[in-house]
Amino acid sequence: MKVDLKRQITTYTAPRGAFEVVTVPPMRYLMIDGHGDPNEAGEYEDALTTLYPVAYALKFLSKQELDRDYVVPPLEALWWADDMAAFTTARDKSRWSWTVLSLVPDWVEDAHVERARVTVARKGAAPRLDALRVETLDEGRCVQTLHVGPYDAEGPVLEQMHDEFIPAQGLRRSGTHHEIYLSDPRRAAPERLRTILRQPVVDL
């Protein structure tokens, strides 16, 4: 059977219109770092053009050699700026830094990732392959919500999360803002995009 990891891992669901505190287990990801407006920076497009082929090569390797098929997980990204107002209020995307992510199943080993990397390299169409790495992200306790709508409408939701809900729970932000893109923006209208917004937290 084909495994859908986002249906098995409970933190890949979140309530719409409300915030919840969850504990996210450590997970391994394919990662590529970058900086700049994702709509204009060629670096971001190059990162995705590299991440997806490796993710799919890994899926096919797992199916053919490990007899374990799975749905390629949704794209994810970490986002930050030196002044987070550039992210929540001003939405000055030129000041954003990011790490794009693709979840790696726990039965897939680093050696399999390297073989997938070699497969993609042979095709010569992955411009940031040298920047790709595998790393475990251990976020622990987080606050998250499901945002439905355009990405540029996230600002007020994040302000409410950061400035109202998190302090009211006796918590403070710790770690990097995380987004999980449950919708494909090439196929869904902006008002129907579904994105999990996640923020790691610790006690005050």
C-alpha atoms as a PDB file:
ATOM      1  CA  MET A   1       0.000   0.000   0.000  1.00  0.00           C
ATOM      2  CA  LYS A   2       1.061   3.576  -0.663  1.00  0.00           C
ATOM      3  CA  VAL A   3       1.678   5.405   2.621  1.00  0.00           C
ATOM      4  CA  ASP A   4       0.513   9.004   3.014  1.00  0.00           C
ATOM      5  CA  LEU A   5       2.685  10.406   5.795  1.00  0.00           C
ATOM      6  CA  LYS A   6       0.601  13.542   6.277  1.00  0.00           C
ATOM      7  CA  ARG A   7      -2.342  11.308   7.213  1.00  0.00           C
ATOM      8  CA  GLN A   8      -0.260   9.312   9.690  1.00  0.00           C
ATOM      9  CA  ILE A   9       1.490  12.181  11.488  1.00  0.00           C
ATOM     10  CA  THR A  10      -1.109  14.013  13.564  1.00  0.00           C
ATOM     11  CA  THR A  11       0.668  17.380  13.427  1.00  0.00           C
ATOM     12  CA  TYR A  12      -0.004  17.571   9.671  1.00  0.00           C
ATOM     13  CA  THR A  13      -3.533  18.654  10.559  1.00  0.00           C
ATOM     14  CA  ALA A  14      -4.488  21.884  12.341  1.00  0.00           C
ATOM     15  CA  PRO A  15      -7.736  23.694  13.205  1.00  0.00           C
ATOM     16  CA  ARG A  16      -8.971  26.493  10.974  1.00  0.00           C
ATOM     17  CA  GLY A  17      -9.711  29.757  12.766  1.00  0.00           C
ATOM     18  CA  ALA A  18      -8.149  28.644  16.054  1.00  0.00           C
ATOM     19  CA  PHE A  19      -4.723  28.011  17.529  1.00  0.00           C
ATOM     20  CA  GLU A  20      -3.594  24.792  19.176  1.00  0.00           C
ATOM     21  CA  VAL A  21      -0.523  23.766  21.148  1.00  0.00           C
ATOM     22  CA  VAL A  22       1.014  20.527  19.865  1.00  0.00           C
ATOM     23  CA  THR A  23       4.191  18.524  20.320  1.00  0.00           C
ATOM     24  CA  VAL A  24       5.924  17.874  17.004  1.00  0.00           C
ATOM     25  CA  PRO A  25       8.229  14.834  16.902  1.00  0.00           C
ATOM     26  CA  PRO A  26      11.733  15.083  15.437  1.00  0.00           C
ATOM     27  CA  MET A  27      11.614  14.514  11.671  1.00  0.00           C
ATOM     28  CA  ARG A  28      14.189  14.346   8.881  1.00  0.00           C
ATOM     29  CA  TYR A  29      13.959  16.566   5.847  1.00  0.00           C
ATOM     30  CA  LEU A  30      15.640  17.359   2.598  1.00  0.00           C
ATOM     31  CA  MET A  31      16.657  21.020   3.057  1.00  0.00           C
ATOM     32  CA  ILE A  32      17.916  23.891   0.916  1.00  0.00           C
ATOM     33  CA  ASP A  33      18.581  27.393   2.332  1.00  0.00           C
ATOM     34  CA  GLY A  34      18.195  30.744   0.612  1.00  0.00           C
ATOM     35  CA  HIS A  35      17.308  34.417   0.895  1.00  0.00           C
ATOM     36  CA  GLY A  36      15.017  36.874  -0.849  1.00  0.00           C
ATOM     37  CA  ASP A  37      11.530  37.307  -2.255  1.00  0.00           C
ATOM     38  CA  PRO A  38      10.245  33.842  -3.261  1.00  0.00           C
ATOM     39  CA  ASN A  39       8.247  35.421  -6.095  1.00  0.00           C
ATOM     40  CA  GLU A  40      11.276  37.141  -7.602  1.00  0.00           C
ATOM     41  CA  ALA A  41      14.418  35.404  -6.343  1.00  0.00           C
ATOM     42  CA  GLY A  42      15.747  32.906  -8.864  1.00  0.00           C
ATOM     43  CA  GLU A  43      17.394  31.234  -5.900  1.00  0.00           C
ATOM     44  CA  TYR A  44      13.994  30.109  -4.580  1.00  0.00           C
ATOM     45  CA  GLU A  45      12.884  28.684  -7.916  1.00  0.00           C
ATOM     46  CA  ASP A  46      16.236  26.915  -8.250  1.00  0.00           C
ATOM     47  CA  ALA A  47      15.757  25.424  -4.783  1.00  0.00           C
ATOM     48  CA  LEU A  48      12.358  23.981  -5.721  1.00  0.00           C
ATOM     49  CA  THR A  49      13.688  22.780  -9.089  1.00  0.00           C
ATOM     50  CA  THR A  50      16.253  20.805  -7.086  1.00  0.00           C
ATOM     51  CA  LEU A  51      14.139  19.666  -4.124  1.00  0.00           C
ATOM     52  CA  TYR A  52      11.275  18.080  -6.064  1.00  0.00           C
ATOM     53  CA  PRO A  53      13.372  15.850  -8.366  1.00  0.00           C
ATOM     54  CA  VAL A  54      15.328  14.503  -5.401  1.00  0.00           C
ATOM     55  CA  ALA A  55      12.128  13.903  -3.415  1.00  0.00           C
ATOM     56  CA  TYR A  56      10.605  11.954  -6.316  1.00  0.00           C
ATOM     57  CA  ALA A  57      13.805  10.029  -7.022  1.00  0.00           C
ATOM     58  CA  LEU A  58      13.800   9.021  -3.355  1.00  0.00           C
ATOM     59  CA  LYS A  59      10.170   7.895  -3.568  1.00  0.00           C
ATOM     60  CA  PHE A  60      10.861   5.710  -6.614  1.00  0.00           C
ATOM     61  CA  LEU A  61      13.974   4.236  -4.995  1.00  0.00           C
ATOM     62  CA  SER A  62      11.947   3.361  -1.891  1.00  0.00           C
ATOM     63  CA  LYS A  63       9.212   1.745  -3.978  1.00  0.00           C
ATOM     64  CA  GLN A  64      11.503  -0.246  -6.239  1.00  0.00           C
ATOM     65  CA  GLU A  65      14.213  -1.333  -3.816  1.00  0.00           C
ATOM     66  CA  LEU A  66      12.612  -1.235  -0.368  1.00  0.00           C
ATOM     67  CA  ASP A  67       9.114  -2.223  -1.530  1.00  0.00           C
ATOM     68  CA  ARG A  68       7.679   0.750   0.401  1.00  0.00           C
ATOM     69  CA  ASP A  69       5.730   3.244  -1.649  1.00  0.00           C
ATOM     70  CA  TYR A  70       4.571   6.594  -0.332  1.00  0.00           C
ATOM     71  CA  VAL A  71       3.009   9.865  -1.390  1.00  0.00           C
ATOM     72  CA  VAL A  72       5.633  12.595  -1.719  1.00  0.00           C
ATOM     73  CA  PRO A  73       4.864  14.872   1.255  1.00  0.00           C
ATOM     74  CA  PRO A  74       3.769  18.484   0.761  1.00  0.00           C
ATOM     75  CA  LEU A  75       6.304  21.247   0.362  1.00  0.00           C
ATOM     76  CA  GLU A  76       7.269  22.967   3.617  1.00  0.00           C
ATOM     77  CA  ALA A  77       9.438  25.961   4.455  1.00  0.00           C
ATOM     78  CA  LEU A  78      11.014  27.770   7.378  1.00  0.00           C
ATOM     79  CA  TRP A  79      10.919  31.578   7.165  1.00  0.00           C
ATOM     80  CA  TRP A  80      12.643  34.300   9.163  1.00  0.00           C
ATOM     81  CA  ALA A  81      13.958  37.847   9.036  1.00  0.00           C
ATOM     82  CA  ASP A  82      16.263  39.879  11.259  1.00  0.00           C
ATOM     83  CA  ASP A  83      13.181  41.950  12.140  1.00  0.00           C
ATOM     84  CA  MET A  84      10.119  39.697  12.133  1.00  0.00           C
ATOM     85  CA  ALA A  85       7.950  42.747  11.364  1.00  0.00           C
ATOM     86  CA  ALA A  86       9.301  42.341   7.834  1.00  0.00           C
ATOM     87  CA  PHE A  87       7.448  39.059   7.805  1.00  0.00           C
ATOM     88  CA  THR A  88       4.264  39.749   9.767  1.00  0.00           C
ATOM     89  CA  THR A  89       3.473  43.428   9.189  1.00  0.00           C
ATOM     90  CA  ALA A  90       5.549  45.026   6.453  1.00  0.00           C
ATOM     91  CA  ARG A  91       5.714  41.788   4.410  1.00  0.00           C
ATOM     92  CA  ASP A  92       9.024  42.986   2.962  1.00  0.00           C
ATOM     93  CA  LYS A  93       9.890  39.778   1.144  1.00  0.00           C
ATOM     94  CA  SER A  94      13.274  41.022  -0.013  1.00  0.00           C
ATOM     95  CA  ARG A  95      14.418  40.724   3.631  1.00  0.00           C
ATOM     96  CA  TRP A  96      13.215  37.175   4.149  1.00  0.00           C
ATOM     97  CA  SER A  97      15.440  34.151   4.586  1.00  0.00           C
ATOM     98  CA  TRP A  98      14.104  30.650   4.103  1.00  0.00           C
ATOM     99  CA  THR A  99      14.751  26.937   4.096  1.00  0.00           C
ATOM    100  CA  VAL A 100      12.606  24.777   1.826  1.00  0.00           C
ATOM    101  CA  LEU A 101      11.834  21.315   3.191  1.00  0.00           C
ATOM    102  CA  SER A 102      10.649  17.907   2.025  1.00  0.00           C
ATOM    103  CA  LEU A 103       9.922  15.262   4.657  1.00  0.00           C
ATOM    104  CA  VAL A 104      11.970  12.044   4.442  1.00  0.00           C
ATOM    105  CA  PRO A 105      10.254   8.836   5.676  1.00  0.00           C
ATOM    106  CA  ASP A 106      11.909   7.311   8.720  1.00  0.00           C
ATOM    107  CA  TRP A 107      12.716   4.054   6.878  1.00  0.00           C
ATOM    108  CA  VAL A 108      14.760   5.898   4.256  1.00  0.00           C
ATOM    109  CA  GLU A 109      18.446   6.162   5.156  1.00  0.00           C
ATOM    110  CA  ASP A 110      20.939   8.881   4.301  1.00  0.00           C
ATOM    111  CA  ALA A 111      22.634   6.478   1.876  1.00  0.00           C
ATOM    112  CA  HIS A 112      19.373   6.276  -0.091  1.00  0.00           C
ATOM    113  CA  VAL A 113      19.245  10.072  -0.252  1.00  0.00           C
ATOM    114  CA  GLU A 114      22.759  10.166  -1.656  1.00  0.00           C
ATOM    115  CA  ARG A 115      21.802   7.648  -4.321  1.00  0.00           C
ATOM    116  CA  ALA A 116      18.758   9.753  -5.227  1.00  0.00           C
ATOM    117  CA  ARG A 117      21.040  12.779  -5.429  1.00  0.00           C
ATOM    118  CA  VAL A 118      23.327  10.939  -7.868  1.00  0.00           C
ATOM    119  CA  THR A 119      20.335   9.921  -9.999  1.00  0.00           C
ATOM    120  CA  VAL A 120      19.172  13.541 -10.238  1.00  0.00           C
ATOM    121  CA  ALA A 121      22.709  14.811 -10.895  1.00  0.00           C
ATOM    122  CA  ARG A 122      22.984  12.549 -13.945  1.00  0.00           C
ATOM    123  CA  LYS A 123      19.988  14.324 -15.486  1.00  0.00           C
ATOM    124  CA  GLY A 124      21.695  17.702 -15.013  1.00  0.00           C
ATOM    125  CA  ALA A 125      18.582  19.743 -14.214  1.00  0.00           C
ATOM    126  CA  ALA A 126      18.967  20.460 -10.478  1.00  0.00           C
ATOM    127  CA  PRO A 127      20.812  23.795 -10.128  1.00  0.00           C
ATOM    128  CA  ARG A 128      21.213  23.751  -6.327  1.00  0.00           C
ATOM    129  CA  LEU A 129      22.040  20.110  -5.759  1.00  0.00           C
ATOM    130  CA  ASP A 130      25.270  20.984  -3.953  1.00  0.00           C
ATOM    131  CA  ALA A 131      23.234  22.996  -1.426  1.00  0.00           C
ATOM    132  CA  LEU A 132      20.847  20.149  -0.590  1.00  0.00           C
ATOM    133  CA  ARG A 133      21.313  18.395   2.740  1.00  0.00           C
ATOM    134  CA  VAL A 134      19.440  16.010   5.047  1.00  0.00           C
ATOM    135  CA  GLU A 135      18.858  17.208   8.586  1.00  0.00           C
ATOM    136  CA  THR A 136      16.633  16.415  11.556  1.00  0.00           C
ATOM    137  CA  LEU A 137      14.326  19.202  12.686  1.00  0.00           C
ATOM    138  CA  ASP A 138      13.280  18.882  16.322  1.00  0.00           C
ATOM    139  CA  GLU A 139      10.658  21.560  16.962  1.00  0.00           C
ATOM    140  CA  GLY A 140       9.047  20.108  20.078  1.00  0.00           C
ATOM    141  CA  ARG A 141       6.179  22.178  21.459  1.00  0.00           C
ATOM    142  CA  CYS A 142       4.566  24.420  18.857  1.00  0.00           C
ATOM    143  CA  VAL A 143       1.511  26.568  18.256  1.00  0.00           C
ATOM    144  CA  GLN A 144      -0.170  26.037  14.912  1.00  0.00           C
ATOM    145  CA  THR A 145      -3.289  26.851  12.919  1.00  0.00           C
ATOM    146  CA  LEU A 146      -4.704  26.217   9.452  1.00  0.00           C
ATOM    147  CA  HIS A 147      -4.791  29.327   7.270  1.00  0.00           C
ATOM    148  CA  VAL A 148      -7.113  29.247   4.269  1.00  0.00           C
ATOM    149  CA  GLY A 149      -6.493  31.995   1.751  1.00  0.00           C
ATOM    150  CA  PRO A 150      -3.675  33.847  -0.022  1.00  0.00           C
ATOM    151  CA  TYR A 151      -0.187  33.707   1.440  1.00  0.00           C
ATOM    152  CA  ASP A 152      -0.143  37.503   1.676  1.00  0.00           C
ATOM    153  CA  ALA A 153      -3.153  37.370   4.027  1.00  0.00           C
ATOM    154  CA  GLU A 154      -1.168  35.476   6.676  1.00  0.00           C
ATOM    155  CA  GLY A 155       0.189  38.603   8.393  1.00  0.00           C
ATOM    156  CA  PRO A 156      -2.778  39.340  10.721  1.00  0.00           C
ATOM    157  CA  VAL A 157      -3.043  35.661  11.668  1.00  0.00           C
ATOM    158  CA  LEU A 158       0.639  35.554  12.601  1.00  0.00           C
ATOM    159  CA  GLU A 159       0.359  38.788  14.575  1.00  0.00           C
ATOM    160  CA  GLN A 160      -2.503  37.317  16.580  1.00  0.00           C
ATOM    161  CA  MET A 161      -0.555  34.101  17.122  1.00  0.00           C
ATOM    162  CA  HIS A 162       2.665  35.868  18.144  1.00  0.00           C
ATOM    163  CA  ASP A 163       1.313  38.828  20.112  1.00  0.00           C
ATOM    164  CA  GLU A 164      -1.874  37.479  21.686  1.00  0.00           C
ATOM    165  CA  PHE A 165      -2.262  33.703  21.820  1.00  0.00           C
ATOM    166  CA  ILE A 166       1.313  32.677  22.615  1.00  0.00           C
ATOM    167  CA  PRO A 167       1.822  35.148  25.533  1.00  0.00           C
ATOM    168  CA  ALA A 168      -1.644  34.316  26.876  1.00  0.00           C
ATOM    169  CA  GLN A 169      -0.548  30.673  27.217  1.00  0.00           C
ATOM    170  CA  GLY A 170       2.520  31.658  29.239  1.00  0.00           C
ATOM    171  CA  LEU A 171       4.760  30.897  26.275  1.00  0.00           C
ATOM    172  CA  ARG A 172       7.240  32.723  24.064  1.00  0.00           C
ATOM    173  CA  ARG A 173       8.473  32.117  20.547  1.00  0.00           C
ATOM    174  CA  SER A 174      11.529  29.899  20.137  1.00  0.00           C
ATOM    175  CA  GLY A 175      12.723  28.699  16.780  1.00  0.00           C
ATOM    176  CA  THR A 176      11.692  29.507  13.254  1.00  0.00           C
ATOM    177  CA  HIS A 177       8.289  30.128  11.673  1.00  0.00           C
ATOM    178  CA  HIS A 178       7.255  27.023   9.741  1.00  0.00           C
ATOM    179  CA  GLU A 179       4.716  26.689   6.917  1.00  0.00           C
ATOM    180  CA  ILE A 180       3.290  23.483   5.437  1.00  0.00           C
ATOM    181  CA  TYR A 181       1.668  23.916   2.024  1.00  0.00           C
ATOM    182  CA  LEU A 182      -1.244  21.505   1.783  1.00  0.00           C
ATOM    183  CA  SER A 183      -2.388  23.015  -1.538  1.00  0.00           C
ATOM    184  CA  ASP A 184      -0.603  23.344  -4.863  1.00  0.00           C
ATOM    185  CA  PRO A 185      -0.661  27.067  -5.798  1.00  0.00           C
ATOM    186  CA  ARG A 186      -0.483  26.099  -9.474  1.00  0.00           C
ATOM    187  CA  ARG A 187      -3.860  24.359  -9.192  1.00  0.00           C
ATOM    188  CA  ALA A 188      -5.763  26.056  -6.362  1.00  0.00           C
ATOM    189  CA  ALA A 189      -7.189  29.585  -6.422  1.00  0.00           C
ATOM    190  CA  PRO A 190      -5.483  31.917  -3.894  1.00  0.00           C
ATOM    191  CA  GLU A 191      -8.581  32.062  -1.692  1.00  0.00           C
ATOM    192  CA  ARG A 192      -8.582  28.261  -1.413  1.00  0.00           C
ATOM    193  CA  LEU A 193      -4.924  27.730  -0.492  1.00  0.00           C
ATOM    194  CA  ARG A 194      -4.549  25.690   2.717  1.00  0.00           C
ATOM    195  CA  THR A 195      -1.403  26.330   4.765  1.00  0.00           C
ATOM    196  CA  ILE A 196      -0.464  25.178   8.252  1.00  0.00           C
ATOM    197  CA  LEU A 197       1.260  28.015  10.121  1.00  0.00           C
ATOM    198  CA  ARG A 198       3.490  26.730  12.933  1.00  0.00           C
ATOM    199  CA  GLN A 199       5.614  28.461  15.556  1.00  0.00           C
ATOM    200  CA  PRO A 200       7.852  26.615  18.064  1.00  0.00           C
ATOM    201  CA  VAL A 201       7.444  27.866  21.642  1.00  0.00           C
ATOM    202  CA  VAL A 202       8.876  27.477  25.152  1.00  0.00           C
ATOM    203  CA  ASP A 203       7.727  28.542  28.600  1.00  0.00           C
ATOM    204  CA  LEU A 204       8.196  32.188  29.568  1.00  0.00           C
END
